[in-house]
Amino acid sequence: MGDKDKVKALRNENDQLKRQLEALKKEFEFIKTKMAEQIESRTSIVAPPDKQDVQFLSDNYDALVQSKTSLEEDLGRFSRRLDLLEKKFDRIDKAIDDIFYYSYQYNLKIVGVPQINENESAEDTANLCLKLFSSLGNDISASDIDIAHRVRLRNATTDNGRRKQPNAIICKFTRRMSREKLLASRRNTTQLTTEALGLPPTVEVNRIKIYSHLTPRLQELLHAAKAHQNTHHYKWCWAKGNAIFLRKTDTSTAIRLESLDDLSKLRERESE
C-alpha cells in the first residue's frame, strides 16, 4: 500500500469514527432529555395535607434536587469530553487534508483532450501532454512530468452507453514552477488544434480546459459552493490554494470557505 493509499485509509477510518461520535452525541442528547423529563415528573408531585407526609416529601424533594444537580454536572462533564473529542477529530481531519493538499498542489487536471486508444499508456498520455504544453507556448520537458494518466470524469455524459467525453488527464509535475506556468497559459487552450496535438485529422477537438487538481474534500466543497452560488445569485465561485471562494459582485469582498461547516455558517447568516 502506497503513502497515498495509507492516507486515504486513514481518512476513511477517521470519517467512520467521526460518524460514530456524531451518533453518540445524538444518543447522549436523547438520554439527557429523557432523564430531565423523569426528574421533572418526580418533582411535580402534589403533597397531601398531612404534615408528616409533607415533611417526608420535602426531604425527598431536596434529595431529588441534589441528585439532579449532581447528574447535570456529570452530564456536563461528559458533554465537554464529547466536544473535546470532536475537536480532536477535526484537527486530525485537517492534518489529513493538508497531506492531500501537499500532494495535489503538484497536479493539474486536463479535461477535453481526445483519447484515441482506450488502452492509452502513461507514456502516451505524458507525450500528449507535452505536445499540448508546447502548443500553449510552454517549454516543458519530459523530466518536468512525474506521471500523467487518465481518470474518469464523475459526471461525464454518455450516448447509448458510450462515453461522449474523453477521460480527464491528471498530470503530476516534479516542480510546482512548471505547474504554475501551465495555469498561467490555460486561457490559450481555445487556440489548440488537432494538428498541434499530433492527432489524426478525423479527431474532433472540443474545448480543452485546465484546472488545479483539487483534493476530494475541496471538490465536494466546490460542488456545494456552486450550488449555493446558483441559489443565492453569486457572480463568482472559484478554487484557489486549499480554499473555495465566493463573490457576490465584481466589487464585493470575496468569501473564503475552507470546509462545509464554513458554508453552513454562511447559509445561516444569509437566512437571518
C-alpha atoms as a PDB file:
ATOM      1  CA  MET A   1       0.000   0.000   0.000  1.00  0.00           C
ATOM      2  CA  GLY A   2       1.458   3.369  -1.069  1.00  0.00           C
ATOM      3  CA  ASP A   3       1.555   6.523   1.036  1.00  0.00           C
ATOM      4  CA  LYS A   4      -1.455   7.960  -0.792  1.00  0.00           C
ATOM      5  CA  ASP A   5      -3.490   4.812  -0.142  1.00  0.00           C
ATOM      6  CA  LYS A   6      -2.456   4.872   3.526  1.00  0.00           C
ATOM      7  CA  VAL A   7      -3.635   8.467   3.852  1.00  0.00           C
ATOM      8  CA  LYS A   8      -6.951   7.584   2.180  1.00  0.00           C
ATOM      9  CA  ALA A   9      -7.396   4.631   4.530  1.00  0.00           C
ATOM     10  CA  LEU A  10      -6.644   6.890   7.494  1.00  0.00           C
ATOM     11  CA  ARG A  11      -9.182   9.431   6.224  1.00  0.00           C
ATOM     12  CA  ASN A  12     -11.859   6.737   5.861  1.00  0.00           C
ATOM     13  CA  GLU A  13     -11.162   5.418   9.354  1.00  0.00           C
ATOM     14  CA  ASN A  14     -11.315   8.915  10.819  1.00  0.00           C
ATOM     15  CA  ASP A  15     -14.589   9.608   8.986  1.00  0.00           C
ATOM     16  CA  GLN A  16     -16.118   6.407  10.363  1.00  0.00           C
ATOM     17  CA  LEU A  17     -15.070   7.301  13.921  1.00  0.00           C
ATOM     18  CA  LYS A  18     -16.471  10.795  13.484  1.00  0.00           C
ATOM     19  CA  ARG A  19     -19.820   9.415  12.322  1.00  0.00           C
ATOM     20  CA  GLN A  20     -19.879   7.164  15.390  1.00  0.00           C
ATOM     21  CA  LEU A  21     -19.133  10.182  17.560  1.00  0.00           C
ATOM     22  CA  GLU A  22     -21.987  12.160  15.982  1.00  0.00           C
ATOM     23  CA  ALA A  23     -24.362   9.233  16.604  1.00  0.00           C
ATOM     24  CA  LEU A  24     -23.145   9.056  20.216  1.00  0.00           C
ATOM     25  CA  LYS A  25     -23.793  12.773  20.705  1.00  0.00           C
ATOM     26  CA  LYS A  26     -27.344  12.400  19.387  1.00  0.00           C
ATOM     27  CA  GLU A  27     -27.933   9.446  21.711  1.00  0.00           C
ATOM     28  CA  PHE A  28     -26.483  11.447  24.602  1.00  0.00           C
ATOM     29  CA  GLU A  29     -28.879  14.349  23.942  1.00  0.00           C
ATOM     30  CA  PHE A  30     -31.814  11.921  23.785  1.00  0.00           C
ATOM     31  CA  ILE A  31     -30.872  10.305  27.123  1.00  0.00           C
ATOM     32  CA  LYS A  32     -30.352  13.718  28.722  1.00  0.00           C
ATOM     33  CA  THR A  33     -33.817  14.842  27.608  1.00  0.00           C
ATOM     34  CA  LYS A  34     -35.480  11.659  28.867  1.00  0.00           C
ATOM     35  CA  MET A  35     -33.750  11.902  32.258  1.00  0.00           C
ATOM     36  CA  ALA A  36     -34.789  15.530  32.619  1.00  0.00           C
ATOM     37  CA  GLU A  37     -38.403  14.573  31.888  1.00  0.00           C
ATOM     38  CA  GLN A  38     -38.335  11.821  34.506  1.00  0.00           C
ATOM     39  CA  ILE A  39     -36.859  14.112  37.170  1.00  0.00           C
ATOM     40  CA  GLU A  40     -39.436  16.776  36.346  1.00  0.00           C
ATOM     41  CA  SER A  41     -42.302  14.290  36.700  1.00  0.00           C
ATOM     42  CA  ARG A  42     -40.982  13.069  40.066  1.00  0.00           C
ATOM     43  CA  THR A  43     -40.621  16.602  41.481  1.00  0.00           C
ATOM     44  CA  SER A  44     -44.104  17.717  40.439  1.00  0.00           C
ATOM     45  CA  ILE A  45     -45.979  15.511  42.944  1.00  0.00           C
ATOM     46  CA  VAL A  46     -48.676  17.382  44.848  1.00  0.00           C
ATOM     47  CA  ALA A  47     -48.184  16.964  48.656  1.00  0.00           C
ATOM     48  CA  PRO A  48     -51.166  15.771  50.800  1.00  0.00           C
ATOM     49  CA  PRO A  49     -52.210  17.885  53.786  1.00  0.00           C
ATOM     50  CA  ASP A  50     -50.689  15.564  56.412  1.00  0.00           C
ATOM     51  CA  LYS A  51     -47.717  17.397  57.995  1.00  0.00           C
ATOM     52  CA  GLN A  52     -45.632  14.234  58.351  1.00  0.00           C
ATOM     53  CA  ASP A  53     -46.151  13.402  54.684  1.00  0.00           C
ATOM     54  CA  VAL A  54     -45.346  16.976  53.716  1.00  0.00           C
ATOM     55  CA  GLN A  55     -42.045  16.804  55.610  1.00  0.00           C
ATOM     56  CA  PHE A  56     -41.283  13.438  54.041  1.00  0.00           C
ATOM     57  CA  LEU A  57     -41.954  14.776  50.548  1.00  0.00           C
ATOM     58  CA  SER A  58     -39.960  17.897  51.290  1.00  0.00           C
ATOM     59  CA  ASP A  59     -36.948  15.849  52.336  1.00  0.00           C
ATOM     60  CA  ASN A  60     -37.269  13.692  49.231  1.00  0.00           C
ATOM     61  CA  TYR A  61     -37.642  16.769  47.069  1.00  0.00           C
ATOM     62  CA  ASP A  62     -34.374  18.175  48.461  1.00  0.00           C
ATOM     63  CA  ALA A  63     -32.680  14.852  47.770  1.00  0.00           C
ATOM     64  CA  LEU A  64     -34.022  14.879  44.209  1.00  0.00           C
ATOM     65  CA  VAL A  65     -32.770  18.410  43.651  1.00  0.00           C
ATOM     66  CA  GLN A  66     -29.305  17.444  44.891  1.00  0.00           C
ATOM     67  CA  SER A  67     -29.372  14.326  42.733  1.00  0.00           C
ATOM     68  CA  LYS A  68     -30.495  16.392  39.730  1.00  0.00           C
ATOM     69  CA  THR A  69     -27.676  18.890  40.299  1.00  0.00           C
ATOM     70  CA  SER A  70     -25.092  16.108  40.574  1.00  0.00           C
ATOM     71  CA  LEU A  71     -26.480  14.430  37.463  1.00  0.00           C
ATOM     72  CA  GLU A  72     -26.374  17.679  35.485  1.00  0.00           C
ATOM     73  CA  GLU A  73     -22.736  18.168  36.498  1.00  0.00           C
ATOM     74  CA  ASP A  74     -21.894  14.631  35.352  1.00  0.00           C
ATOM     75  CA  LEU A  75     -23.731  15.166  32.074  1.00  0.00           C
ATOM     76  CA  GLY A  76     -21.952  18.496  31.610  1.00  0.00           C
ATOM     77  CA  ARG A  77     -18.542  16.875  32.070  1.00  0.00           C
ATOM     78  CA  PHE A  78     -19.446  14.114  29.620  1.00  0.00           C
ATOM     79  CA  SER A  79     -20.701  16.672  27.094  1.00  0.00           C
ATOM     80  CA  ARG A  80     -17.439  18.631  27.338  1.00  0.00           C
ATOM     81  CA  ARG A  81     -15.461  15.425  26.765  1.00  0.00           C
ATOM     82  CA  LEU A  82     -17.506  14.748  23.627  1.00  0.00           C
ATOM     83  CA  ASP A  83     -16.843  18.287  22.409  1.00  0.00           C
ATOM     84  CA  LEU A  84     -13.093  17.909  23.018  1.00  0.00           C
ATOM     85  CA  LEU A  85     -13.123  14.583  21.181  1.00  0.00           C
ATOM     86  CA  GLU A  86     -14.929  16.169  18.240  1.00  0.00           C
ATOM     87  CA  LYS A  87     -12.342  18.964  18.078  1.00  0.00           C
ATOM     88  CA  LYS A  88      -9.590  16.347  18.089  1.00  0.00           C
ATOM     89  CA  PHE A  89     -11.221  14.579  15.149  1.00  0.00           C
ATOM     90  CA  ASP A  90     -11.441  17.919  13.320  1.00  0.00           C
ATOM     91  CA  ARG A  91      -7.709  18.555  13.883  1.00  0.00           C
ATOM     92  CA  ILE A  92      -6.847  15.095  12.562  1.00  0.00           C
ATOM     93  CA  ASP A  93      -9.149  15.666   9.598  1.00  0.00           C
ATOM     94  CA  LYS A  94      -7.426  18.980   8.853  1.00  0.00           C
ATOM     95  CA  ALA A  95      -3.986  17.350   9.096  1.00  0.00           C
ATOM     96  CA  ILE A  96      -5.031  14.611   6.667  1.00  0.00           C
ATOM     97  CA  ASP A  97      -6.395  17.191   4.228  1.00  0.00           C
ATOM     98  CA  ASP A  98      -3.130  19.153   4.462  1.00  0.00           C
ATOM     99  CA  ILE A  99      -1.246  15.988   3.464  1.00  0.00           C
ATOM    100  CA  PHE A 100      -3.574  15.565   0.485  1.00  0.00           C
ATOM    101  CA  TYR A 101      -3.161  19.211  -0.465  1.00  0.00           C
ATOM    102  CA  TYR A 102       0.632  18.993  -0.371  1.00  0.00           C
ATOM    103  CA  SER A 103       0.496  16.126  -2.853  1.00  0.00           C
ATOM    104  CA  TYR A 104      -2.212  17.620  -5.074  1.00  0.00           C
ATOM    105  CA  GLN A 105      -0.505  21.023  -5.420  1.00  0.00           C
ATOM    106  CA  TYR A 106       1.851  19.469  -7.993  1.00  0.00           C
ATOM    107  CA  ASN A 107      -1.060  18.251 -10.135  1.00  0.00           C
ATOM    108  CA  LEU A 108      -3.153  19.624 -12.950  1.00  0.00           C
ATOM    109  CA  LYS A 109      -6.416  18.229 -14.251  1.00  0.00           C
ATOM    110  CA  ILE A 110      -6.872  18.498 -18.016  1.00  0.00           C
ATOM    111  CA  VAL A 111     -10.334  17.958 -19.491  1.00  0.00           C
ATOM    112  CA  GLY A 112     -11.355  17.553 -23.145  1.00  0.00           C
ATOM    113  CA  VAL A 113      -8.194  16.026 -24.637  1.00  0.00           C
ATOM    114  CA  PRO A 114      -9.308  13.280 -27.086  1.00  0.00           C
ATOM    115  CA  GLN A 115      -8.378   9.708 -26.222  1.00  0.00           C
ATOM    116  CA  ILE A 116      -7.594   7.761 -29.374  1.00  0.00           C
ATOM    117  CA  ASN A 117      -6.713   4.484 -27.682  1.00  0.00           C
ATOM    118  CA  GLU A 118      -8.762   3.106 -24.792  1.00  0.00           C
ATOM    119  CA  ASN A 119      -5.594   1.412 -23.527  1.00  0.00           C
ATOM    120  CA  GLU A 120      -3.552   4.608 -23.674  1.00  0.00           C
ATOM    121  CA  SER A 121      -0.353   4.113 -21.663  1.00  0.00           C
ATOM    122  CA  ALA A 122       1.021   6.597 -19.131  1.00  0.00           C
ATOM    123  CA  GLU A 123       3.859   7.327 -21.584  1.00  0.00           C
ATOM    124  CA  ASP A 124       1.377   8.063 -24.390  1.00  0.00           C
ATOM    125  CA  THR A 125      -0.584  10.371 -22.078  1.00  0.00           C
ATOM    126  CA  ALA A 126       2.600  12.176 -20.985  1.00  0.00           C
ATOM    127  CA  ASN A 127       3.669  12.715 -24.619  1.00  0.00           C
ATOM    128  CA  LEU A 128       0.222  14.083 -25.437  1.00  0.00           C
ATOM    129  CA  CYS A 129       0.564  16.478 -22.506  1.00  0.00           C
ATOM    130  CA  LEU A 130       3.968  17.646 -23.746  1.00  0.00           C
ATOM    131  CA  LYS A 131       2.500  18.472 -27.174  1.00  0.00           C
ATOM    132  CA  LEU A 132      -0.343  20.345 -25.510  1.00  0.00           C
ATOM    133  CA  PHE A 133       2.044  22.308 -23.271  1.00  0.00           C
ATOM    134  CA  SER A 134       4.262  23.185 -26.216  1.00  0.00           C
ATOM    135  CA  SER A 135       1.237  24.406 -28.193  1.00  0.00           C
ATOM    136  CA  LEU A 136       0.451  26.742 -25.296  1.00  0.00           C
ATOM    137  CA  GLY A 137       3.948  28.232 -25.550  1.00  0.00           C
ATOM    138  CA  ASN A 138       5.492  26.465 -22.556  1.00  0.00           C
ATOM    139  CA  ASP A 139       8.987  24.974 -22.614  1.00  0.00           C
ATOM    140  CA  ILE A 140       8.349  21.890 -20.511  1.00  0.00           C
ATOM    141  CA  SER A 141      10.307  18.659 -20.899  1.00  0.00           C
ATOM    142  CA  ALA A 142       9.564  15.041 -20.019  1.00  0.00           C
ATOM    143  CA  SER A 143      11.702  15.421 -16.886  1.00  0.00           C
ATOM    144  CA  ASP A 144       9.226  18.021 -15.602  1.00  0.00           C
ATOM    145  CA  ILE A 145       6.453  15.387 -15.538  1.00  0.00           C
ATOM    146  CA  ASP A 146       6.364  12.800 -12.788  1.00  0.00           C
ATOM    147  CA  ILE A 147       3.404  10.895 -14.220  1.00  0.00           C
ATOM    148  CA  ALA A 148       0.337  11.525 -16.385  1.00  0.00           C
ATOM    149  CA  HIS A 149      -2.673   9.241 -16.507  1.00  0.00           C
ATOM    150  CA  ARG A 150      -6.357   9.192 -17.424  1.00  0.00           C
ATOM    151  CA  VAL A 151      -9.199   9.262 -14.889  1.00  0.00           C
ATOM    152  CA  ARG A 152     -12.931   9.040 -15.458  1.00  0.00           C
ATOM    153  CA  LEU A 153     -14.978  12.202 -15.178  1.00  0.00           C
ATOM    154  CA  ARG A 154     -17.551  11.905 -12.401  1.00  0.00           C
ATOM    155  CA  ASN A 155     -20.426  13.455 -14.398  1.00  0.00           C
ATOM    156  CA  ALA A 156     -19.397  12.633 -17.958  1.00  0.00           C
ATOM    157  CA  THR A 157     -22.328  12.428 -20.380  1.00  0.00           C
ATOM    158  CA  THR A 158     -22.996   9.226 -22.306  1.00  0.00           C
ATOM    159  CA  ASP A 159     -24.519   8.359 -25.669  1.00  0.00           C
ATOM    160  CA  ASN A 160     -26.219   4.935 -25.816  1.00  0.00           C
ATOM    161  CA  GLY A 161     -23.978   3.650 -23.064  1.00  0.00           C
ATOM    162  CA  ARG A 162     -20.806   5.058 -24.624  1.00  0.00           C
ATOM    163  CA  ARG A 163     -18.969   7.961 -23.053  1.00  0.00           C
ATOM    164  CA  LYS A 164     -19.161  11.136 -25.171  1.00  0.00           C
ATOM    165  CA  GLN A 165     -16.442  12.930 -23.194  1.00  0.00           C
ATOM    166  CA  PRO A 166     -12.877  11.592 -23.065  1.00  0.00           C
ATOM    167  CA  ASN A 167     -11.405  10.662 -19.717  1.00  0.00           C
ATOM    168  CA  ALA A 168      -9.650  13.539 -17.987  1.00  0.00           C
ATOM    169  CA  ILE A 169      -5.875  13.634 -17.563  1.00  0.00           C
ATOM    170  CA  ILE A 170      -4.147  14.084 -14.214  1.00  0.00           C
ATOM    171  CA  CYS A 171      -0.629  15.367 -14.792  1.00  0.00           C
ATOM    172  CA  LYS A 172       1.729  15.381 -11.802  1.00  0.00           C
ATOM    173  CA  PHE A 173       4.759  17.647 -12.130  1.00  0.00           C
ATOM    174  CA  THR A 174       8.150  17.316 -10.487  1.00  0.00           C
ATOM    175  CA  ARG A 175       8.241  21.086  -9.883  1.00  0.00           C
ATOM    176  CA  ARG A 176       5.479  23.451  -8.872  1.00  0.00           C
ATOM    177  CA  MET A 177       7.002  26.117 -11.131  1.00  0.00           C
ATOM    178  CA  SER A 178       6.113  24.061 -14.203  1.00  0.00           C
ATOM    179  CA  ARG A 179       2.568  23.650 -12.967  1.00  0.00           C
ATOM    180  CA  GLU A 180       2.208  27.383 -12.377  1.00  0.00           C
ATOM    181  CA  LYS A 181       3.410  28.106 -15.926  1.00  0.00           C
ATOM    182  CA  LEU A 182       0.642  25.924 -17.323  1.00  0.00           C
ATOM    183  CA  LEU A 183      -2.018  27.530 -15.161  1.00  0.00           C
ATOM    184  CA  ALA A 184      -0.911  30.980 -16.335  1.00  0.00           C
ATOM    185  CA  SER A 185      -1.305  29.979 -20.000  1.00  0.00           C
ATOM    186  CA  ARG A 186      -4.536  27.988 -19.748  1.00  0.00           C
ATOM    187  CA  ARG A 187      -6.631  30.743 -21.364  1.00  0.00           C
ATOM    188  CA  ASN A 188      -4.912  29.907 -24.642  1.00  0.00           C
ATOM    189  CA  THR A 189      -6.478  26.433 -24.815  1.00  0.00           C
ATOM    190  CA  THR A 190      -9.146  27.785 -27.192  1.00  0.00           C
ATOM    191  CA  GLN A 191      -6.395  28.021 -29.839  1.00  0.00           C
ATOM    192  CA  LEU A 192      -5.468  24.346 -29.664  1.00  0.00           C
ATOM    193  CA  THR A 193      -5.992  22.295 -32.815  1.00  0.00           C
ATOM    194  CA  THR A 194      -5.930  18.620 -33.764  1.00  0.00           C
ATOM    195  CA  GLU A 195      -2.724  19.178 -35.725  1.00  0.00           C
ATOM    196  CA  ALA A 196      -0.992  20.873 -32.782  1.00  0.00           C
ATOM    197  CA  LEU A 197      -1.753  17.876 -30.566  1.00  0.00           C
ATOM    198  CA  GLY A 198      -0.469  15.436 -33.195  1.00  0.00           C
ATOM    199  CA  LEU A 199      -3.852  13.751 -33.524  1.00  0.00           C
ATOM    200  CA  PRO A 200      -5.458  12.334 -36.680  1.00  0.00           C
ATOM    201  CA  PRO A 201      -7.391  14.969 -38.686  1.00  0.00           C
ATOM    202  CA  THR A 202     -10.600  12.967 -38.228  1.00  0.00           C
ATOM    203  CA  VAL A 203     -10.494  13.541 -34.461  1.00  0.00           C
ATOM    204  CA  GLU A 204     -12.605  16.404 -33.201  1.00  0.00           C
ATOM    205  CA  VAL A 205     -11.096  18.630 -30.540  1.00  0.00           C
ATOM    206  CA  ASN A 206     -13.660  20.411 -28.426  1.00  0.00           C
ATOM    207  CA  ARG A 207     -12.769  22.973 -25.801  1.00  0.00           C
ATOM    208  CA  ILE A 208      -9.900  21.805 -23.620  1.00  0.00           C
ATOM    209  CA  LYS A 209      -9.808  23.068 -20.031  1.00  0.00           C
ATOM    210  CA  ILE A 210      -7.035  23.016 -17.451  1.00  0.00           C
ATOM    211  CA  TYR A 211      -7.773  23.100 -13.722  1.00  0.00           C
ATOM    212  CA  SER A 212      -5.977  22.792 -10.441  1.00  0.00           C
ATOM    213  CA  HIS A 213      -6.410  19.230  -9.191  1.00  0.00           C
ATOM    214  CA  LEU A 214      -8.478  19.574  -6.033  1.00  0.00           C
ATOM    215  CA  THR A 215      -8.450  17.208  -3.070  1.00  0.00           C
ATOM    216  CA  PRO A 216     -11.635  15.141  -2.596  1.00  0.00           C
ATOM    217  CA  ARG A 217     -12.763  17.442   0.240  1.00  0.00           C
ATOM    218  CA  LEU A 218     -12.213  20.590  -1.845  1.00  0.00           C
ATOM    219  CA  GLN A 219     -14.058  19.003  -4.792  1.00  0.00           C
ATOM    220  CA  GLU A 220     -17.016  18.299  -2.502  1.00  0.00           C
ATOM    221  CA  LEU A 221     -16.872  21.838  -1.117  1.00  0.00           C
ATOM    222  CA  LEU A 222     -16.633  23.369  -4.603  1.00  0.00           C
ATOM    223  CA  HIS A 223     -19.688  21.392  -5.740  1.00  0.00           C
ATOM    224  CA  ALA A 224     -21.692  22.593  -2.709  1.00  0.00           C
ATOM    225  CA  ALA A 225     -20.436  26.165  -3.124  1.00  0.00           C
ATOM    226  CA  LYS A 226     -21.503  26.227  -6.792  1.00  0.00           C
ATOM    227  CA  ALA A 227     -24.985  25.094  -5.763  1.00  0.00           C
ATOM    228  CA  HIS A 228     -25.035  27.937  -3.221  1.00  0.00           C
ATOM    229  CA  GLN A 229     -23.797  30.318  -5.921  1.00  0.00           C
ATOM    230  CA  ASN A 230     -26.733  29.465  -8.189  1.00  0.00           C
ATOM    231  CA  THR A 231     -29.306  29.607  -5.402  1.00  0.00           C
ATOM    232  CA  HIS A 232     -28.134  32.931  -3.935  1.00  0.00           C
ATOM    233  CA  HIS A 233     -27.043  34.555  -7.207  1.00  0.00           C
ATOM    234  CA  TYR A 234     -23.321  34.930  -6.582  1.00  0.00           C
ATOM    235  CA  LYS A 235     -21.444  36.027  -9.673  1.00  0.00           C
ATOM    236  CA  TRP A 236     -18.177  34.202  -8.966  1.00  0.00           C
ATOM    237  CA  CYS A 237     -17.144  30.896  -7.417  1.00  0.00           C
ATOM    238  CA  TRP A 238     -13.608  29.551  -7.741  1.00  0.00           C
ATOM    239  CA  ALA A 239     -10.919  27.411  -6.117  1.00  0.00           C
ATOM    240  CA  LYS A 240      -7.522  28.739  -5.088  1.00  0.00           C
ATOM    241  CA  GLY A 241      -4.956  27.067  -2.903  1.00  0.00           C
ATOM    242  CA  ASN A 242      -6.699  24.988  -0.244  1.00  0.00           C
ATOM    243  CA  ALA A 243      -9.928  27.019  -0.171  1.00  0.00           C
ATOM    244  CA  ILE A 244     -13.040  27.872  -2.196  1.00  0.00           C
ATOM    245  CA  PHE A 245     -14.101  31.493  -2.728  1.00  0.00           C
ATOM    246  CA  LEU A 246     -17.481  33.097  -3.411  1.00  0.00           C
ATOM    247  CA  ARG A 247     -18.035  36.663  -4.565  1.00  0.00           C
ATOM    248  CA  LYS A 248     -21.450  38.280  -4.965  1.00  0.00           C
ATOM    249  CA  THR A 249     -20.407  41.005  -7.421  1.00  0.00           C
ATOM    250  CA  ASP A 250     -17.264  42.297  -9.105  1.00  0.00           C
ATOM    251  CA  THR A 251     -16.703  44.823  -6.317  1.00  0.00           C
ATOM    252  CA  SER A 252     -17.818  42.835  -3.248  1.00  0.00           C
ATOM    253  CA  THR A 253     -15.399  41.137  -0.859  1.00  0.00           C
ATOM    254  CA  ALA A 254     -14.559  37.510  -1.590  1.00  0.00           C
ATOM    255  CA  ILE A 255     -15.786  34.985   0.985  1.00  0.00           C
ATOM    256  CA  ARG A 256     -13.258  32.281   1.862  1.00  0.00           C
ATOM    257  CA  LEU A 257     -14.565  28.766   2.549  1.00  0.00           C
ATOM    258  CA  GLU A 258     -12.326  26.030   3.920  1.00  0.00           C
ATOM    259  CA  SER A 259     -14.965  23.494   4.942  1.00  0.00           C
ATOM    260  CA  LEU A 260     -18.625  22.571   4.568  1.00  0.00           C
ATOM    261  CA  ASP A 261     -19.080  23.983   8.076  1.00  0.00           C
ATOM    262  CA  ASP A 262     -17.985  27.404   6.753  1.00  0.00           C
ATOM    263  CA  LEU A 263     -20.622  27.116   4.021  1.00  0.00           C
ATOM    264  CA  SER A 264     -23.289  26.139   6.584  1.00  0.00           C
ATOM    265  CA  LYS A 265     -22.446  29.230   8.663  1.00  0.00           C
ATOM    266  CA  LEU A 266     -22.729  31.393   5.540  1.00  0.00           C
ATOM    267  CA  ARG A 267     -26.198  29.926   4.839  1.00  0.00           C
ATOM    268  CA  GLU A 268     -27.245  30.688   8.423  1.00  0.00           C
ATOM    269  CA  ARG A 269     -26.095  34.321   8.145  1.00  0.00           C
ATOM    270  CA  GLU A 270     -27.917  34.782   4.861  1.00  0.00           C
ATOM    271  CA  SER A 271     -31.147  33.313   6.240  1.00  0.00           C
ATOM    272  CA  GLU A 272     -31.280  35.733   9.215  1.00  0.00           C
END
